[in-house]
């Protein structure tokens, strides 16, 4: 039995009684291969962070639901995932945090941005619970608000990862939406597909590193620093991405996909076009 790298903090117990450490050991021992993840959307999505969607972050939410773990709002801990590890880095308070082998989710084909509005209204259905039934909706805490949000309208998203196909496919039904404000219907997913990639593990890792934030201190980047990369002084790089105490200085490709129009993510010279059909469509069915 191979002893998995030590990740910390892991959840002590899930609400179903299975130790997260045991779940992580089982996931680590699973065989993994390069995979292409595709999501077909029914509705535009609101990017979660700096116009980017992180595939490992989306998968982590599905894992929390599948294994009945406390949500990050209840307890901050590492969520074990059926993905390969690129590195394990030290964090605050003795944390050992994973760098997962997963790229960002990228728009495929034609896309455009749009400005939608979501509405913050007084929860009238809960008014009976309040001490004061009357509440001002013109000012103060319960003021009605019409908040603008930039959405991305695109038919398909895709990402590259190295993981266990069957376990990922089992988690995908729980990912009905991507991005933010999903309760309002944004980012609704019609279909997921997971297909093997005809790439070696080294080639897949090179692509993944070129399309995700990587801590500057990580050994995963050594010898392959991008010529067009940039340093972000504080950047989320592991789920949950919003948790600021785990942020580190990161190096990231100059990917202006959502700013200057459709274009492939940066990749080393000589590789195939990201938007070219890597796997024939009939193999997806």
Protein backbone atom coordinates (compact mmCIF):
# COMPACT_ATOMS: atom_id res chain seq x y z
CA UNK A 1 0.00 0.00 0.00
CA UNK A 2 1.39 3.41 -1.03
CA UNK A 3 1.26 6.00 1.71
CA UNK A 4 -0.35 9.18 0.31
CA UNK A 5 1.25 12.59 0.87
CA UNK A 6 0.16 14.18 4.11
CA UNK A 7 -2.56 16.80 3.58
CA UNK A 8 -3.64 19.01 6.44
CA UNK A 9 -6.14 20.05 7.71
CA UNK A 10 -8.41 17.21 6.61
CA UNK A 11 -11.92 16.86 7.98
CA UNK A 12 -11.89 14.55 11.00
CA UNK A 13 -15.23 12.95 10.22
CA UNK A 14 -17.96 13.50 7.70
CA UNK A 15 -21.56 13.53 8.84
CA UNK A 16 -21.84 9.97 7.52
CA UNK A 17 -19.03 8.82 9.77
CA UNK A 18 -16.30 8.12 7.19
CA UNK A 19 -12.94 9.64 8.05
CA UNK A 20 -11.73 12.07 5.38
CA UNK A 21 -8.23 10.61 5.74
CA UNK A 22 -9.56 7.21 4.67
CA UNK A 23 -11.34 8.81 1.70
CA UNK A 24 -8.10 10.55 0.69
CA UNK A 25 -6.13 7.29 0.88
CA UNK A 26 -8.65 5.52 -1.36
CA UNK A 27 -8.65 8.36 -3.88
CA UNK A 28 -4.85 8.60 -3.95
CA UNK A 29 -4.49 4.90 -4.81
CA UNK A 30 -6.85 5.10 -7.80
CA UNK A 31 -5.23 4.96 -11.28
CA UNK A 32 -5.29 8.33 -13.02
CA UNK A 33 -4.96 9.44 -16.63
CA UNK A 34 -5.09 12.71 -18.64
CA UNK A 35 -8.71 13.71 -19.20
CA UNK A 36 -10.59 16.35 -21.16
CA UNK A 37 -13.59 17.78 -19.28
CA UNK A 38 -16.35 19.45 -21.28
CA UNK A 39 -19.42 21.29 -20.02
CA UNK A 40 -22.30 22.33 -22.29
CA UNK A 41 -24.12 25.32 -20.79
CA UNK A 42 -27.74 26.41 -21.00
CA UNK A 43 -27.15 29.83 -19.44
CA UNK A 44 -24.32 32.32 -19.17
CA UNK A 45 -22.14 32.12 -16.08
CA UNK A 46 -20.65 34.65 -13.68
CA UNK A 47 -16.91 33.98 -13.26
CA UNK A 48 -15.95 33.15 -9.71
CA UNK A 49 -12.59 34.93 -9.53
CA UNK A 50 -10.96 37.43 -11.92
CA UNK A 51 -12.98 36.13 -14.86
CA UNK A 52 -11.70 32.58 -14.21
CA UNK A 53 -13.33 29.28 -13.29
CA UNK A 54 -11.10 26.73 -11.57
CA UNK A 55 -11.92 23.10 -12.38
CA UNK A 56 -10.56 21.73 -9.09
CA UNK A 57 -12.64 24.32 -7.23
CA UNK A 58 -15.82 23.23 -9.02
CA UNK A 59 -15.01 19.56 -8.36
CA UNK A 60 -14.38 20.29 -4.68
CA UNK A 61 -17.95 21.54 -4.26
CA UNK A 62 -19.27 18.30 -5.77
CA UNK A 63 -17.04 16.28 -3.43
CA UNK A 64 -18.35 18.16 -0.39
CA UNK A 65 -21.88 17.18 -1.39
CA UNK A 66 -21.04 13.59 -2.38
CA UNK A 67 -19.13 12.73 0.80
CA UNK A 68 -21.34 14.85 3.06
CA UNK A 69 -18.45 16.96 4.34
CA UNK A 70 -18.95 20.26 6.15
CA UNK A 71 -19.03 23.16 3.72
CA UNK A 72 -16.11 25.65 3.69
CA UNK A 73 -18.46 28.12 5.38
CA UNK A 74 -18.68 25.72 8.34
CA UNK A 75 -15.10 24.45 8.49
CA UNK A 76 -12.02 25.20 6.41
CA UNK A 77 -10.17 22.04 5.42
CA UNK A 78 -8.64 20.32 2.42
CA UNK A 79 -11.22 18.50 0.29
CA UNK A 80 -9.81 15.18 -1.03
CA UNK A 81 -10.26 14.90 -4.80
CA UNK A 82 -9.80 12.12 -7.39
CA UNK A 83 -7.02 14.12 -9.06
CA UNK A 84 -3.27 13.71 -9.31
CA UNK A 85 -1.05 15.90 -7.15
CA UNK A 86 1.44 18.26 -8.73
CA UNK A 87 2.86 19.44 -5.41
CA UNK A 88 2.12 19.84 -1.71
CA UNK A 89 3.00 23.19 -0.13
CA UNK A 90 3.20 24.43 3.43
CA UNK A 91 0.50 26.83 4.57
CA UNK A 92 -0.25 28.77 7.76
CA UNK A 93 -0.69 26.98 11.09
CA UNK A 94 1.02 23.82 9.87
CA UNK A 95 -1.25 23.33 6.86
CA UNK A 96 -0.14 21.02 4.01
CA UNK A 97 -2.02 22.13 0.91
CA UNK A 98 -2.41 20.34 -2.45
CA UNK A 99 -1.70 21.70 -5.92
CA UNK A 100 -4.07 19.60 -8.03
CA UNK A 101 -3.41 18.56 -11.63
CA UNK A 102 -6.31 20.54 -13.08
CA UNK A 103 -6.41 23.52 -15.44
CA UNK A 104 -8.89 26.37 -15.46
CA UNK A 105 -12.19 25.93 -17.27
CA UNK A 106 -11.85 27.83 -20.56
CA UNK A 107 -14.50 29.06 -23.05
CA UNK A 108 -14.57 27.11 -26.30
CA UNK A 109 -15.49 28.73 -29.60
CA UNK A 110 -17.46 31.96 -29.87
CA UNK A 111 -18.46 33.81 -26.71
CA UNK A 112 -19.44 37.28 -25.57
CA UNK A 113 -19.93 39.14 -22.33
CA UNK A 114 -23.24 40.51 -21.18
CA UNK A 115 -24.42 42.58 -18.26
CA UNK A 116 -27.22 41.00 -16.26
CA UNK A 117 -28.76 42.14 -12.99
CA UNK A 118 -29.70 40.14 -9.94
CA UNK A 119 -32.15 41.53 -7.41
CA UNK A 120 -31.73 41.68 -3.66
CA UNK A 121 -35.18 41.92 -2.11
CA UNK A 122 -36.60 41.92 1.39
CA UNK A 123 -37.34 38.29 2.40
CA UNK A 124 -41.07 38.82 2.79
CA UNK A 125 -41.65 35.08 3.22
CA UNK A 126 -39.69 35.27 6.50
CA UNK A 127 -41.26 38.51 7.76
CA UNK A 128 -43.32 36.67 10.37
CA UNK A 129 -40.09 35.66 12.13
CA UNK A 130 -39.02 39.26 12.69
CA UNK A 131 -39.60 41.25 15.87
CA UNK A 132 -40.64 44.21 13.72
CA UNK A 133 -42.89 43.22 10.88
CA UNK A 134 -42.49 46.60 9.18
CA UNK A 135 -39.16 47.04 7.37
CA UNK A 136 -37.93 49.83 5.13
CA UNK A 137 -37.13 48.66 1.62
CA UNK A 138 -36.02 52.14 0.56
CA UNK A 139 -32.95 52.43 2.78
CA UNK A 140 -30.86 50.51 5.27
CA UNK A 141 -30.27 46.79 5.54
CA UNK A 142 -33.38 45.67 3.70
CA UNK A 143 -33.20 48.15 0.84
CA UNK A 144 -34.08 46.58 -2.49
CA UNK A 145 -31.06 46.52 -4.78
CA UNK A 146 -30.53 45.82 -8.45
CA UNK A 147 -26.92 44.63 -8.69
CA UNK A 148 -25.15 44.44 -12.08
CA UNK A 149 -23.07 41.36 -12.84
CA UNK A 150 -20.91 40.64 -15.88
CA UNK A 151 -21.79 37.27 -17.34
CA UNK A 152 -20.04 35.23 -20.00
CA UNK A 153 -22.28 33.76 -22.69
CA UNK A 154 -20.68 30.68 -24.19
CA UNK A 155 -21.93 27.30 -25.35
CA UNK A 156 -19.11 25.15 -24.01
CA UNK A 157 -16.31 25.15 -21.43
CA UNK A 158 -13.42 22.71 -21.22
CA UNK A 159 -10.52 21.86 -18.92
CA UNK A 160 -7.66 19.38 -18.74
CA UNK A 161 -6.90 17.33 -15.66
CA UNK A 162 -5.20 14.12 -14.57
CA UNK A 163 -7.65 12.07 -12.57
CA UNK A 164 -9.72 8.92 -12.13
CA UNK A 165 -12.38 9.00 -14.81
CA UNK A 166 -15.09 6.90 -13.12
CA UNK A 167 -14.96 8.82 -9.83
CA UNK A 168 -15.08 12.18 -11.61
CA UNK A 169 -18.05 11.02 -13.70
CA UNK A 170 -19.81 9.97 -10.49
CA UNK A 171 -19.38 13.49 -9.06
CA UNK A 172 -20.51 15.40 -12.15
CA UNK A 173 -24.30 14.96 -11.65
CA UNK A 174 -23.90 17.09 -8.51
CA UNK A 175 -22.42 19.95 -10.59
CA UNK A 176 -25.61 21.34 -12.08
CA UNK A 177 -24.18 24.87 -12.34
CA UNK A 178 -20.79 26.59 -12.54
CA UNK A 179 -19.61 30.00 -11.37
CA UNK A 180 -21.38 32.37 -8.98
CA UNK A 181 -25.05 33.14 -8.27
CA UNK A 182 -26.04 29.63 -9.29
CA UNK A 183 -29.21 29.76 -7.18
CA UNK A 184 -30.41 32.46 -9.57
CA UNK A 185 -29.91 30.14 -12.53
CA UNK A 186 -26.57 31.39 -13.83
CA UNK A 187 -24.12 28.85 -15.22
CA UNK A 188 -26.63 26.02 -15.62
CA UNK A 189 -25.01 22.94 -17.16
CA UNK A 190 -26.92 20.81 -19.68
CA UNK A 191 -24.31 18.07 -20.10
CA UNK A 192 -20.88 17.04 -18.87
CA UNK A 193 -18.51 14.77 -20.75
CA UNK A 194 -15.22 13.19 -19.70
CA UNK A 195 -12.97 11.68 -22.36
CA UNK A 196 -9.35 10.42 -22.24
CA UNK A 197 -6.72 12.66 -23.80
CA UNK A 198 -4.14 11.22 -26.21
CA UNK A 199 -1.32 12.89 -24.29
CA UNK A 200 1.43 11.56 -22.09
CA UNK A 201 1.30 12.52 -18.43
CA UNK A 202 4.25 14.90 -18.91
CA UNK A 203 2.50 16.65 -21.82
CA UNK A 204 -0.73 16.96 -19.84
CA UNK A 205 1.12 18.43 -16.86
CA UNK A 206 2.81 20.98 -19.11
CA UNK A 207 -0.55 22.09 -20.45
CA UNK A 208 -2.11 22.22 -17.00
CA UNK A 209 0.71 24.34 -15.59
CA UNK A 210 0.30 26.73 -18.52
CA UNK A 211 -3.39 27.26 -17.71
CA UNK A 212 -3.71 27.61 -13.96
CA UNK A 213 -2.22 29.70 -11.13
CA UNK A 214 0.85 28.05 -9.59
CA UNK A 215 2.57 29.23 -6.39
CA UNK A 216 5.94 30.73 -7.19
CA UNK A 217 7.53 28.54 -4.50
CA UNK A 218 6.22 25.31 -6.02
CA UNK A 219 8.65 22.77 -7.45
CA UNK A 220 6.07 21.99 -10.17
CA UNK A 221 7.12 25.08 -12.12
CA UNK A 222 10.89 24.62 -11.87
CA UNK A 223 12.51 24.54 -15.27
CA UNK A 224 9.34 25.54 -17.12
CA UNK A 225 8.69 29.15 -16.10
CA UNK A 226 6.56 30.75 -18.84
CA UNK A 227 8.09 33.56 -20.86
CA UNK A 228 4.79 35.44 -20.80
CA UNK A 229 3.87 34.74 -17.19
CA UNK A 230 3.19 37.26 -14.47
CA UNK A 231 3.52 37.27 -10.71
CA UNK A 232 0.40 37.83 -8.61
CA UNK A 233 1.36 38.98 -5.09
CA UNK A 234 -1.61 37.20 -3.48
CA UNK A 235 -3.55 34.59 -5.40
CA UNK A 236 -5.86 31.66 -4.70
CA UNK A 237 -4.38 28.41 -6.01
CA UNK A 238 -6.15 25.59 -4.12
CA UNK A 239 -9.79 25.08 -3.06
CA UNK A 240 -11.42 27.02 -1.54
CA UNK A 241 -9.93 29.74 -3.75
CA UNK A 242 -11.60 32.57 -1.83
CA UNK A 243 -9.92 31.67 1.49
CA UNK A 244 -7.34 34.47 1.83
CA UNK A 245 -5.07 32.91 4.52
CA UNK A 246 -4.08 30.20 1.98
CA UNK A 247 -3.24 32.69 -0.78
CA UNK A 248 0.37 32.81 -1.99
CA UNK A 249 2.39 34.70 -4.59
CA UNK A 250 1.63 32.88 -7.84
CA UNK A 251 2.86 32.85 -11.40
CA UNK A 252 0.21 32.71 -14.07
CA UNK A 253 0.13 32.85 -17.83
CA UNK A 254 -0.91 36.10 -19.51
CA UNK A 255 -4.25 34.66 -20.55
CA UNK A 256 -6.53 37.42 -21.85
CA UNK A 257 -9.18 35.04 -23.18
CA UNK A 258 -12.05 36.91 -21.56
CA UNK A 259 -10.69 40.37 -22.27
CA UNK A 260 -9.54 40.49 -25.87
CA UNK A 261 -11.73 37.91 -27.60
CA UNK A 262 -11.72 34.16 -28.19
CA UNK A 263 -8.25 32.71 -28.31
CA UNK A 264 -6.60 29.50 -27.05
CA UNK A 265 -4.93 29.48 -23.62
CA UNK A 266 -1.18 29.91 -23.77
CA UNK A 267 0.67 26.70 -24.56
CA UNK A 268 4.26 25.81 -25.43
CA UNK A 269 5.14 26.31 -29.08
CA UNK A 270 4.52 23.37 -31.38
CA UNK A 271 1.48 21.96 -29.55
CA UNK A 272 -1.86 21.45 -31.22
CA UNK A 273 -4.57 24.11 -31.22
CA UNK A 274 -6.61 24.03 -27.99
CA UNK A 275 -9.82 24.48 -29.98
CA UNK A 276 -9.05 21.72 -32.45
CA UNK A 277 -11.10 18.55 -31.74
CA UNK A 278 -8.55 16.55 -29.75
CA UNK A 279 -10.93 13.62 -29.43
CA UNK A 280 -13.38 12.74 -32.24
CA UNK A 281 -16.97 13.60 -31.31
CA UNK A 282 -18.14 10.02 -31.70
CA UNK A 283 -15.83 8.95 -28.86
CA UNK A 284 -17.70 11.23 -26.46
CA UNK A 285 -20.97 9.35 -26.83
